[in-house]
Amino acid sequence: MIIDTHHHLWNYNPVEFDWIDDEMAAIRRSFLPGNLQEIIKTTEVEAVVSVQARQTIAETEWLLKLAGEYNFMKGVVGWLPLQNVNIEDLLEKYSENKWLKAVRHVVQGEPDPGFILRKDFNLGISKLKKFDLVYDILIFEHQLPNTIKFVDLHPNQLFVLDHIAKPKIKLNEIQPWAKNIKELAKRENVTCKISGMVTEADYKTWTEEQLKPYFDTVIEAFTPGRLMIGSDWPVCCVAIEYKKWMELVLNRLSSLSEDEQHKIKYQNAAGVYKI
C-alpha cells in the first residue's frame, strides 16, 4: 500500500485562497474528503496525511474533525502560532487529539529572509518534542542554507521536508539546490517528501526526464530510509492527475529493492507520523 503523506482539503473562497492565481484556475473550487476518497480507489493509496492550507487554528480544528470522521485520514499536519508566548498551552491542548501528528508554518511565504531563525519561532519549535509532534518544513530552495542552521538548533526534533525544498525545476537548475539538499540530508532527524515537483516545473511542458535528476538527488541524499511519497493534491492537478503522479513516482522507484520501496511507500511515514 501507499500512505499519501501530503494533500490538502479546502472549501474554496477567493479571499483566503488568493494564492491560487489564473494559471491555477483549475483548482478554484472546493476539495473535500469525499473527492479524494473516490480518486484513491484507483491507486495503491490506502491512507493519507492531511496538511494545512491556511494558517488558522480554525483550519487545524476542521482537519482534526474530518480525520475523526473519515477512516482513510490517518493524521493531520496542522498550524499553530508557534511564535505565540502561550504556545505551550496550545500544544498541551491539541496534543490530546490523536490525529494531530505535526505542525507546519508557511515559511516560504514569510517576507523576512531570516524568519526561520527568529528566536520566538524557534522557542515554539523547541516545545514540539515534549508533545511528540513532528515539524513539517515548507521552504523554497534559496531558503535551504538558513534551514540547515535551523535544523542544527534542534538536533532531537523530527523534521519532514515538504516538496524536496522546491528546486527551480522550471529553469532546469540543479545547483545550488543539490549541494544544499545533500548537506541538509546529513541530519538524520530530517525526512523528505517526494512531492510538489511538477508544480515547480512548467505546468504544461514538463517531462519525466526533466524531473529525473531531482528524483535521483533526493534518493541518493536521504536514501530510501528517509523518504516518503506525497501527492500535493489538489495543487498537483494543475500539472498532473493524481493517479498519474503516483504512477510516475512508483516508476522512478522501481529500480530499488522491494524492501526499499516499502519504506518509501508506507513504512517511513507510519514511523515518523506514528500512523
C-alpha atoms as a PDB file:
ATOM      1  CA  MET A   1       0.000   0.000   0.000  1.00  0.00           C
ATOM      2  CA  ILE A   2       0.904   3.687  -0.102  1.00  0.00           C
ATOM      3  CA  ILE A   3       0.445   6.368   2.508  1.00  0.00           C
ATOM      4  CA  ASP A   4      -0.006   9.712   0.747  1.00  0.00           C
ATOM      5  CA  THR A   5       1.780  11.987   3.204  1.00  0.00           C
ATOM      6  CA  HIS A   6       0.791  15.307   1.674  1.00  0.00           C
ATOM      7  CA  HIS A   7      -2.553  16.538   0.442  1.00  0.00           C
ATOM      8  CA  HIS A   8      -4.859  19.455   1.192  1.00  0.00           C
ATOM      9  CA  LEU A   9      -8.576  19.998   1.686  1.00  0.00           C
ATOM     10  CA  TRP A  10     -10.494  23.227   1.411  1.00  0.00           C
ATOM     11  CA  ASN A  11     -13.822  24.978   0.988  1.00  0.00           C
ATOM     12  CA  TYR A  12     -12.771  27.423  -1.685  1.00  0.00           C
ATOM     13  CA  ASN A  13     -13.222  31.154  -1.446  1.00  0.00           C
ATOM     14  CA  PRO A  14     -11.206  33.722  -3.446  1.00  0.00           C
ATOM     15  CA  VAL A  15     -10.093  35.755  -0.416  1.00  0.00           C
ATOM     16  CA  GLU A  16      -8.478  33.053   1.721  1.00  0.00           C
ATOM     17  CA  PHE A  17      -7.120  31.231  -1.320  1.00  0.00           C
ATOM     18  CA  ASP A  18      -5.850  34.240  -3.246  1.00  0.00           C
ATOM     19  CA  TRP A  19      -2.582  32.368  -3.934  1.00  0.00           C
ATOM     20  CA  ILE A  20      -4.494  30.294  -6.493  1.00  0.00           C
ATOM     21  CA  ASP A  21      -3.734  32.503  -9.484  1.00  0.00           C
ATOM     22  CA  ASP A  22      -5.107  32.434 -13.033  1.00  0.00           C
ATOM     23  CA  GLU A  23      -2.625  29.749 -14.096  1.00  0.00           C
ATOM     24  CA  MET A  24      -4.078  27.540 -11.370  1.00  0.00           C
ATOM     25  CA  ALA A  25      -7.701  28.298 -12.202  1.00  0.00           C
ATOM     26  CA  ALA A  26      -8.483  24.567 -12.447  1.00  0.00           C
ATOM     27  CA  ILE A  27      -8.343  24.262  -8.659  1.00  0.00           C
ATOM     28  CA  ARG A  28     -10.509  27.271  -7.857  1.00  0.00           C
ATOM     29  CA  ARG A  29     -13.153  25.111  -6.240  1.00  0.00           C
ATOM     30  CA  SER A  30     -13.682  23.073  -3.094  1.00  0.00           C
ATOM     31  CA  PHE A  31     -11.820  19.825  -2.475  1.00  0.00           C
ATOM     32  CA  LEU A  32     -13.232  17.671   0.316  1.00  0.00           C
ATOM     33  CA  PRO A  33     -12.557  14.190   1.737  1.00  0.00           C
ATOM     34  CA  GLY A  34     -15.182  12.522  -0.417  1.00  0.00           C
ATOM     35  CA  ASN A  35     -13.489  13.824  -3.573  1.00  0.00           C
ATOM     36  CA  LEU A  36     -10.147  12.359  -2.534  1.00  0.00           C
ATOM     37  CA  GLN A  37     -11.700   9.109  -1.366  1.00  0.00           C
ATOM     38  CA  GLU A  38     -13.033   8.474  -4.863  1.00  0.00           C
ATOM     39  CA  ILE A  39      -9.680   9.216  -6.503  1.00  0.00           C
ATOM     40  CA  ILE A  40      -7.523   6.993  -4.310  1.00  0.00           C
ATOM     41  CA  LYS A  41      -9.725   3.983  -5.087  1.00  0.00           C
ATOM     42  CA  THR A  42      -7.942   3.785  -8.450  1.00  0.00           C
ATOM     43  CA  THR A  43      -4.462   3.690  -6.817  1.00  0.00           C
ATOM     44  CA  GLU A  44      -2.470   1.799  -4.186  1.00  0.00           C
ATOM     45  CA  VAL A  45      -3.098   4.611  -1.702  1.00  0.00           C
ATOM     46  CA  GLU A  46      -4.932   3.392   1.392  1.00  0.00           C
ATOM     47  CA  ALA A  47      -4.228   6.181   3.869  1.00  0.00           C
ATOM     48  CA  VAL A  48      -3.448   9.896   3.796  1.00  0.00           C
ATOM     49  CA  VAL A  49      -1.952  12.644   5.916  1.00  0.00           C
ATOM     50  CA  SER A  50      -3.858  15.923   5.588  1.00  0.00           C
ATOM     51  CA  VAL A  51      -1.829  19.149   5.589  1.00  0.00           C
ATOM     52  CA  GLN A  52      -2.950  22.675   6.446  1.00  0.00           C
ATOM     53  CA  ALA A  53      -3.504  25.139   3.619  1.00  0.00           C
ATOM     54  CA  ARG A  54      -4.424  28.163   5.759  1.00  0.00           C
ATOM     55  CA  GLN A  55      -2.571  29.481   8.802  1.00  0.00           C
ATOM     56  CA  THR A  56      -5.502  29.476  11.216  1.00  0.00           C
ATOM     57  CA  ILE A  57      -6.381  27.433  14.273  1.00  0.00           C
ATOM     58  CA  ALA A  58      -9.861  27.050  12.768  1.00  0.00           C
ATOM     59  CA  GLU A  59      -8.337  25.169   9.830  1.00  0.00           C
ATOM     60  CA  THR A  60      -6.438  22.858  12.178  1.00  0.00           C
ATOM     61  CA  GLU A  61      -9.605  22.113  14.130  1.00  0.00           C
ATOM     62  CA  TRP A  62     -11.545  21.469  10.894  1.00  0.00           C
ATOM     63  CA  LEU A  63      -8.946  18.971   9.664  1.00  0.00           C
ATOM     64  CA  LEU A  64      -8.876  17.214  13.035  1.00  0.00           C
ATOM     65  CA  LYS A  65     -12.668  16.927  12.959  1.00  0.00           C
ATOM     66  CA  LEU A  66     -12.585  15.434   9.455  1.00  0.00           C
ATOM     67  CA  ALA A  67      -9.871  12.946  10.468  1.00  0.00           C
ATOM     68  CA  GLY A  68     -12.210  11.679  13.155  1.00  0.00           C
ATOM     69  CA  GLU A  69     -14.944  11.153  10.556  1.00  0.00           C
ATOM     70  CA  TYR A  70     -13.019   9.579   7.653  1.00  0.00           C
ATOM     71  CA  ASN A  71     -11.133   6.370   8.330  1.00  0.00           C
ATOM     72  CA  PHE A  72      -8.641   6.817   5.479  1.00  0.00           C
ATOM     73  CA  MET A  73      -7.406  10.084   7.029  1.00  0.00           C
ATOM     74  CA  LYS A  74      -4.707   8.897   9.437  1.00  0.00           C
ATOM     75  CA  GLY A  75      -3.146  12.139  10.558  1.00  0.00           C
ATOM     76  CA  VAL A  76      -3.066  15.922  10.332  1.00  0.00           C
ATOM     77  CA  VAL A  77      -0.219  18.381   9.836  1.00  0.00           C
ATOM     78  CA  GLY A  78      -1.852  21.440  11.315  1.00  0.00           C
ATOM     79  CA  TRP A  79      -0.923  25.035  12.033  1.00  0.00           C
ATOM     80  CA  LEU A  80      -0.478  26.630  15.434  1.00  0.00           C
ATOM     81  CA  PRO A  81       1.032  30.063  16.221  1.00  0.00           C
ATOM     82  CA  LEU A  82       4.488  28.860  17.188  1.00  0.00           C
ATOM     83  CA  GLN A  83       5.713  32.410  17.886  1.00  0.00           C
ATOM     84  CA  ASN A  84       2.966  32.934  20.473  1.00  0.00           C
ATOM     85  CA  VAL A  85       4.105  33.288  24.083  1.00  0.00           C
ATOM     86  CA  ASN A  86       1.294  30.900  25.066  1.00  0.00           C
ATOM     87  CA  ILE A  87       2.259  28.229  22.550  1.00  0.00           C
ATOM     88  CA  GLU A  88       2.953  25.604  25.206  1.00  0.00           C
ATOM     89  CA  ASP A  89      -0.622  25.885  26.471  1.00  0.00           C
ATOM     90  CA  LEU A  90      -1.930  25.454  22.920  1.00  0.00           C
ATOM     91  CA  LEU A  91       0.336  22.465  22.303  1.00  0.00           C
ATOM     92  CA  GLU A  92      -0.910  20.927  25.543  1.00  0.00           C
ATOM     93  CA  LYS A  93      -4.495  21.386  24.418  1.00  0.00           C
ATOM     94  CA  TYR A  94      -4.117  19.990  20.915  1.00  0.00           C
ATOM     95  CA  SER A  95      -1.726  17.178  21.788  1.00  0.00           C
ATOM     96  CA  GLU A  96      -4.693  15.443  23.382  1.00  0.00           C
ATOM     97  CA  ASN A  97      -6.089  14.917  19.870  1.00  0.00           C
ATOM     98  CA  LYS A  98      -4.664  11.672  18.474  1.00  0.00           C
ATOM     99  CA  TRP A  99      -4.963  12.886  14.867  1.00  0.00           C
ATOM    100  CA  LEU A 100      -2.529  15.794  15.251  1.00  0.00           C
ATOM    101  CA  LYS A 101       0.819  14.382  14.130  1.00  0.00           C
ATOM    102  CA  ALA A 102       2.746  17.520  13.158  1.00  0.00           C
ATOM    103  CA  VAL A 103       2.591  21.274  12.685  1.00  0.00           C
ATOM    104  CA  ARG A 104       3.740  23.472   9.832  1.00  0.00           C
ATOM    105  CA  HIS A 105       4.324  27.144   9.111  1.00  0.00           C
ATOM    106  CA  VAL A 106       4.388  28.621   5.592  1.00  0.00           C
ATOM    107  CA  VAL A 107       7.988  29.810   5.912  1.00  0.00           C
ATOM    108  CA  GLN A 108       8.229  30.114   2.114  1.00  0.00           C
ATOM    109  CA  GLY A 109       5.756  32.993   2.300  1.00  0.00           C
ATOM    110  CA  GLU A 110       7.477  34.993   5.034  1.00  0.00           C
ATOM    111  CA  PRO A 111       8.931  38.314   3.798  1.00  0.00           C
ATOM    112  CA  ASP A 112      11.692  38.178   6.417  1.00  0.00           C
ATOM    113  CA  PRO A 113      14.501  36.034   4.899  1.00  0.00           C
ATOM    114  CA  GLY A 114      15.698  35.202   8.400  1.00  0.00           C
ATOM    115  CA  PHE A 115      12.277  34.207   9.755  1.00  0.00           C
ATOM    116  CA  ILE A 116      13.185  30.564  10.293  1.00  0.00           C
ATOM    117  CA  LEU A 117      15.995  31.616  12.660  1.00  0.00           C
ATOM    118  CA  ARG A 118      13.887  34.017  14.742  1.00  0.00           C
ATOM    119  CA  LYS A 119      14.071  33.413  18.494  1.00  0.00           C
ATOM    120  CA  ASP A 120      10.320  33.429  19.109  1.00  0.00           C
ATOM    121  CA  PHE A 121       9.685  30.933  16.320  1.00  0.00           C
ATOM    122  CA  ASN A 122      12.474  28.648  17.494  1.00  0.00           C
ATOM    123  CA  LEU A 123      11.234  28.786  21.065  1.00  0.00           C
ATOM    124  CA  GLY A 124       7.965  27.355  19.778  1.00  0.00           C
ATOM    125  CA  ILE A 125       9.794  24.676  17.795  1.00  0.00           C
ATOM    126  CA  SER A 126      11.729  23.706  20.930  1.00  0.00           C
ATOM    127  CA  LYS A 127       8.433  22.786  22.635  1.00  0.00           C
ATOM    128  CA  LEU A 128       7.291  20.273  19.997  1.00  0.00           C
ATOM    129  CA  LYS A 129       9.279  17.242  21.119  1.00  0.00           C
ATOM    130  CA  LYS A 130       7.686  17.376  24.575  1.00  0.00           C
ATOM    131  CA  PHE A 131       4.340  16.785  22.863  1.00  0.00           C
ATOM    132  CA  ASP A 132       5.681  14.198  20.411  1.00  0.00           C
ATOM    133  CA  LEU A 133       4.943  16.409  17.396  1.00  0.00           C
ATOM    134  CA  VAL A 134       6.834  16.494  14.102  1.00  0.00           C
ATOM    135  CA  TYR A 135       7.557  19.772  12.287  1.00  0.00           C
ATOM    136  CA  ASP A 136       6.980  19.972   8.514  1.00  0.00           C
ATOM    137  CA  ILE A 137       9.378  22.373   6.747  1.00  0.00           C
ATOM    138  CA  LEU A 138       7.891  24.343   3.834  1.00  0.00           C
ATOM    139  CA  ILE A 139      10.530  26.434   2.055  1.00  0.00           C
ATOM    140  CA  PHE A 140      11.883  27.453  -1.326  1.00  0.00           C
ATOM    141  CA  GLU A 141      15.313  26.174  -2.353  1.00  0.00           C
ATOM    142  CA  HIS A 142      17.019  29.520  -1.666  1.00  0.00           C
ATOM    143  CA  GLN A 143      15.994  29.134   1.994  1.00  0.00           C
ATOM    144  CA  LEU A 144      17.960  25.899   2.424  1.00  0.00           C
ATOM    145  CA  PRO A 145      21.128  27.464   3.955  1.00  0.00           C
ATOM    146  CA  ASN A 146      19.120  29.050   6.790  1.00  0.00           C
ATOM    147  CA  THR A 147      17.067  25.865   7.125  1.00  0.00           C
ATOM    148  CA  ILE A 148      20.239  23.843   7.724  1.00  0.00           C
ATOM    149  CA  LYS A 149      21.154  26.255  10.537  1.00  0.00           C
ATOM    150  CA  PHE A 150      17.596  25.963  11.857  1.00  0.00           C
ATOM    151  CA  VAL A 151      17.653  22.165  11.963  1.00  0.00           C
ATOM    152  CA  ASP A 152      21.016  22.260  13.749  1.00  0.00           C
ATOM    153  CA  LEU A 153      19.367  24.238  16.558  1.00  0.00           C
ATOM    154  CA  HIS A 154      17.043  21.271  17.228  1.00  0.00           C
ATOM    155  CA  PRO A 155      19.037  18.013  16.928  1.00  0.00           C
ATOM    156  CA  ASN A 156      16.417  15.980  18.792  1.00  0.00           C
ATOM    157  CA  GLN A 157      13.387  17.249  16.878  1.00  0.00           C
ATOM    158  CA  LEU A 158      11.937  15.227  13.988  1.00  0.00           C
ATOM    159  CA  PHE A 159      11.563  17.243  10.785  1.00  0.00           C
ATOM    160  CA  VAL A 160       9.878  16.466   7.462  1.00  0.00           C
ATOM    161  CA  LEU A 161      10.919  18.473   4.403  1.00  0.00           C
ATOM    162  CA  ASP A 162       7.983  19.216   2.090  1.00  0.00           C
ATOM    163  CA  HIS A 163       8.249  19.174  -1.711  1.00  0.00           C
ATOM    164  CA  ILE A 164      12.018  18.462  -1.762  1.00  0.00           C
ATOM    165  CA  ALA A 165      12.515  22.176  -0.878  1.00  0.00           C
ATOM    166  CA  LYS A 166      11.030  23.389  -4.171  1.00  0.00           C
ATOM    167  CA  PRO A 167      14.010  23.471  -6.546  1.00  0.00           C
ATOM    168  CA  LYS A 168      13.908  25.562  -9.731  1.00  0.00           C
ATOM    169  CA  ILE A 169      12.787  22.717 -11.982  1.00  0.00           C
ATOM    170  CA  LYS A 170      11.148  25.078 -14.464  1.00  0.00           C
ATOM    171  CA  LEU A 171      14.588  26.571 -15.156  1.00  0.00           C
ATOM    172  CA  ASN A 172      16.334  23.169 -15.083  1.00  0.00           C
ATOM    173  CA  GLU A 173      18.612  24.483 -12.332  1.00  0.00           C
ATOM    174  CA  ILE A 174      20.075  21.744 -10.151  1.00  0.00           C
ATOM    175  CA  GLN A 175      22.592  23.856  -8.210  1.00  0.00           C
ATOM    176  CA  PRO A 176      22.928  25.130  -5.547  1.00  0.00           C
ATOM    177  CA  TRP A 177      19.816  23.148  -4.574  1.00  0.00           C
ATOM    178  CA  ALA A 178      21.525  19.745  -4.932  1.00  0.00           C
ATOM    179  CA  LYS A 179      24.533  20.764  -2.843  1.00  0.00           C
ATOM    180  CA  ASN A 180      22.336  22.182  -0.097  1.00  0.00           C
ATOM    181  CA  ILE A 181      19.864  19.289  -0.100  1.00  0.00           C
ATOM    182  CA  LYS A 182      22.734  16.827   0.353  1.00  0.00           C
ATOM    183  CA  GLU A 183      24.035  18.911   3.254  1.00  0.00           C
ATOM    184  CA  LEU A 184      20.602  19.008   4.900  1.00  0.00           C
ATOM    185  CA  ALA A 185      20.212  15.261   4.410  1.00  0.00           C
ATOM    186  CA  LYS A 186      23.272  14.656   6.595  1.00  0.00           C
ATOM    187  CA  ARG A 187      20.952  15.463   9.511  1.00  0.00           C
ATOM    188  CA  GLU A 188      19.334  12.130  10.284  1.00  0.00           C
ATOM    189  CA  ASN A 189      16.403  13.778  12.042  1.00  0.00           C
ATOM    190  CA  VAL A 190      15.146  15.045   8.658  1.00  0.00           C
ATOM    191  CA  THR A 191      12.893  13.014   6.348  1.00  0.00           C
ATOM    192  CA  CYS A 192      11.891  14.260   2.885  1.00  0.00           C
ATOM    193  CA  LYS A 193       8.629  14.059   0.960  1.00  0.00           C
ATOM    194  CA  ILE A 194       8.799  13.250  -2.735  1.00  0.00           C
ATOM    195  CA  SER A 195       6.066  15.708  -3.624  1.00  0.00           C
ATOM    196  CA  GLY A 196       5.324  19.059  -5.236  1.00  0.00           C
ATOM    197  CA  MET A 197       7.733  18.575  -8.125  1.00  0.00           C
ATOM    198  CA  VAL A 198       5.535  19.004 -11.190  1.00  0.00           C
ATOM    199  CA  THR A 199       4.246  22.337  -9.914  1.00  0.00           C
ATOM    200  CA  GLU A 200       7.824  23.654  -9.689  1.00  0.00           C
ATOM    201  CA  ALA A 201       8.167  22.871 -13.407  1.00  0.00           C
ATOM    202  CA  ASP A 202       6.161  24.326 -16.276  1.00  0.00           C
ATOM    203  CA  TYR A 203       2.621  23.048 -15.723  1.00  0.00           C
ATOM    204  CA  LYS A 204       2.083  22.190 -19.390  1.00  0.00           C
ATOM    205  CA  THR A 205       5.503  21.306 -20.798  1.00  0.00           C
ATOM    206  CA  TRP A 206       7.306  19.414 -18.008  1.00  0.00           C
ATOM    207  CA  THR A 207       8.691  15.962 -18.793  1.00  0.00           C
ATOM    208  CA  GLU A 208       9.618  12.914 -16.738  1.00  0.00           C
ATOM    209  CA  GLU A 209      13.182  13.230 -17.973  1.00  0.00           C
ATOM    210  CA  GLN A 210      13.305  16.777 -16.614  1.00  0.00           C
ATOM    211  CA  LEU A 211      12.338  15.522 -13.147  1.00  0.00           C
ATOM    212  CA  LYS A 212      14.843  12.655 -13.117  1.00  0.00           C
ATOM    213  CA  PRO A 213      17.914  14.486 -11.705  1.00  0.00           C
ATOM    214  CA  TYR A 214      15.813  15.808  -8.833  1.00  0.00           C
ATOM    215  CA  PHE A 215      14.476  12.337  -8.045  1.00  0.00           C
ATOM    216  CA  ASP A 216      17.978  10.896  -8.225  1.00  0.00           C
ATOM    217  CA  THR A 217      19.396  13.576  -5.937  1.00  0.00           C
ATOM    218  CA  VAL A 218      16.915  13.092  -3.100  1.00  0.00           C
ATOM    219  CA  ILE A 219      17.091   9.292  -3.316  1.00  0.00           C
ATOM    220  CA  GLU A 220      20.867   9.454  -3.034  1.00  0.00           C
ATOM    221  CA  ALA A 221      20.845  12.123  -0.321  1.00  0.00           C
ATOM    222  CA  PHE A 222      18.143  10.818   2.003  1.00  0.00           C
ATOM    223  CA  THR A 223      18.302   7.132   0.993  1.00  0.00           C
ATOM    224  CA  PRO A 224      15.110   5.051   0.981  1.00  0.00           C
ATOM    225  CA  GLY A 225      15.163   5.076   4.774  1.00  0.00           C
ATOM    226  CA  ARG A 226      14.151   8.756   4.966  1.00  0.00           C
ATOM    227  CA  LEU A 227      11.811   9.370   2.045  1.00  0.00           C
ATOM    228  CA  MET A 228       8.017   9.419   1.746  1.00  0.00           C
ATOM    229  CA  ILE A 229       5.507   9.873  -1.069  1.00  0.00           C
ATOM    230  CA  GLY A 230       3.159  12.844  -1.219  1.00  0.00           C
ATOM    231  CA  SER A 231       0.692  13.873  -3.916  1.00  0.00           C
ATOM    232  CA  ASP A 232       0.212  17.552  -3.039  1.00  0.00           C
ATOM    233  CA  TRP A 233      -3.378  17.053  -4.240  1.00  0.00           C
ATOM    234  CA  PRO A 234      -5.270  19.076  -5.341  1.00  0.00           C
ATOM    235  CA  VAL A 235      -2.453  21.524  -6.150  1.00  0.00           C
ATOM    236  CA  CYS A 236      -0.804  18.873  -8.343  1.00  0.00           C
ATOM    237  CA  CYS A 237      -3.908  18.839 -10.556  1.00  0.00           C
ATOM    238  CA  VAL A 238      -2.749  21.985 -12.375  1.00  0.00           C
ATOM    239  CA  ALA A 239       0.024  19.866 -13.900  1.00  0.00           C
ATOM    240  CA  ILE A 240      -0.829  16.169 -13.479  1.00  0.00           C
ATOM    241  CA  GLU A 241      -3.656  13.868 -12.424  1.00  0.00           C
ATOM    242  CA  TYR A 242      -3.401  12.226  -9.008  1.00  0.00           C
ATOM    243  CA  LYS A 243      -3.144   8.678 -10.359  1.00  0.00           C
ATOM    244  CA  LYS A 244      -0.537   9.618 -12.957  1.00  0.00           C
ATOM    245  CA  TRP A 245       1.662  11.277 -10.319  1.00  0.00           C
ATOM    246  CA  MET A 246       1.573   8.137  -8.189  1.00  0.00           C
ATOM    247  CA  GLU A 247       2.427   6.013 -11.236  1.00  0.00           C
ATOM    248  CA  LEU A 248       5.303   8.330 -12.136  1.00  0.00           C
ATOM    249  CA  VAL A 249       6.798   8.091  -8.627  1.00  0.00           C
ATOM    250  CA  LEU A 250       6.427   4.318  -8.478  1.00  0.00           C
ATOM    251  CA  ASN A 251       8.097   4.023 -11.860  1.00  0.00           C
ATOM    252  CA  ARG A 252      11.053   6.067 -10.583  1.00  0.00           C
ATOM    253  CA  LEU A 253      11.315   3.828  -7.505  1.00  0.00           C
ATOM    254  CA  SER A 254      11.043   0.561  -9.449  1.00  0.00           C
ATOM    255  CA  SER A 255      14.810   0.060  -9.609  1.00  0.00           C
ATOM    256  CA  LEU A 256      15.002  -0.093  -5.803  1.00  0.00           C
ATOM    257  CA  SER A 257      14.619  -3.307  -3.850  1.00  0.00           C
ATOM    258  CA  GLU A 258      11.175  -4.342  -2.648  1.00  0.00           C
ATOM    259  CA  ASP A 259      12.129  -3.532   0.954  1.00  0.00           C
ATOM    260  CA  GLU A 260      13.365  -0.072  -0.060  1.00  0.00           C
ATOM    261  CA  GLN A 261      10.162   0.614  -1.972  1.00  0.00           C
ATOM    262  CA  HIS A 262       8.056  -0.442   1.027  1.00  0.00           C
ATOM    263  CA  LYS A 263       9.949   2.026   3.220  1.00  0.00           C
ATOM    264  CA  ILE A 264       9.194   4.930   0.907  1.00  0.00           C
ATOM    265  CA  LYS A 265       5.615   3.861   0.156  1.00  0.00           C
ATOM    266  CA  TYR A 266       4.410   3.495   3.746  1.00  0.00           C
ATOM    267  CA  GLN A 267       6.867   2.339   6.419  1.00  0.00           C
ATOM    268  CA  ASN A 268       8.734   5.624   6.862  1.00  0.00           C
ATOM    269  CA  ALA A 269       5.507   7.607   7.020  1.00  0.00           C
ATOM    270  CA  ALA A 270       3.984   5.223   9.541  1.00  0.00           C
ATOM    271  CA  GLY A 271       7.062   5.579  11.726  1.00  0.00           C
ATOM    272  CA  VAL A 272       7.568   9.337  11.536  1.00  0.00           C
ATOM    273  CA  TYR A 273       3.923  10.313  11.834  1.00  0.00           C
ATOM    274  CA  LYS A 274       3.061   7.386  14.154  1.00  0.00           C
ATOM    275  CA  ILE A 275       0.248   6.098  11.974  1.00  0.00           C
END
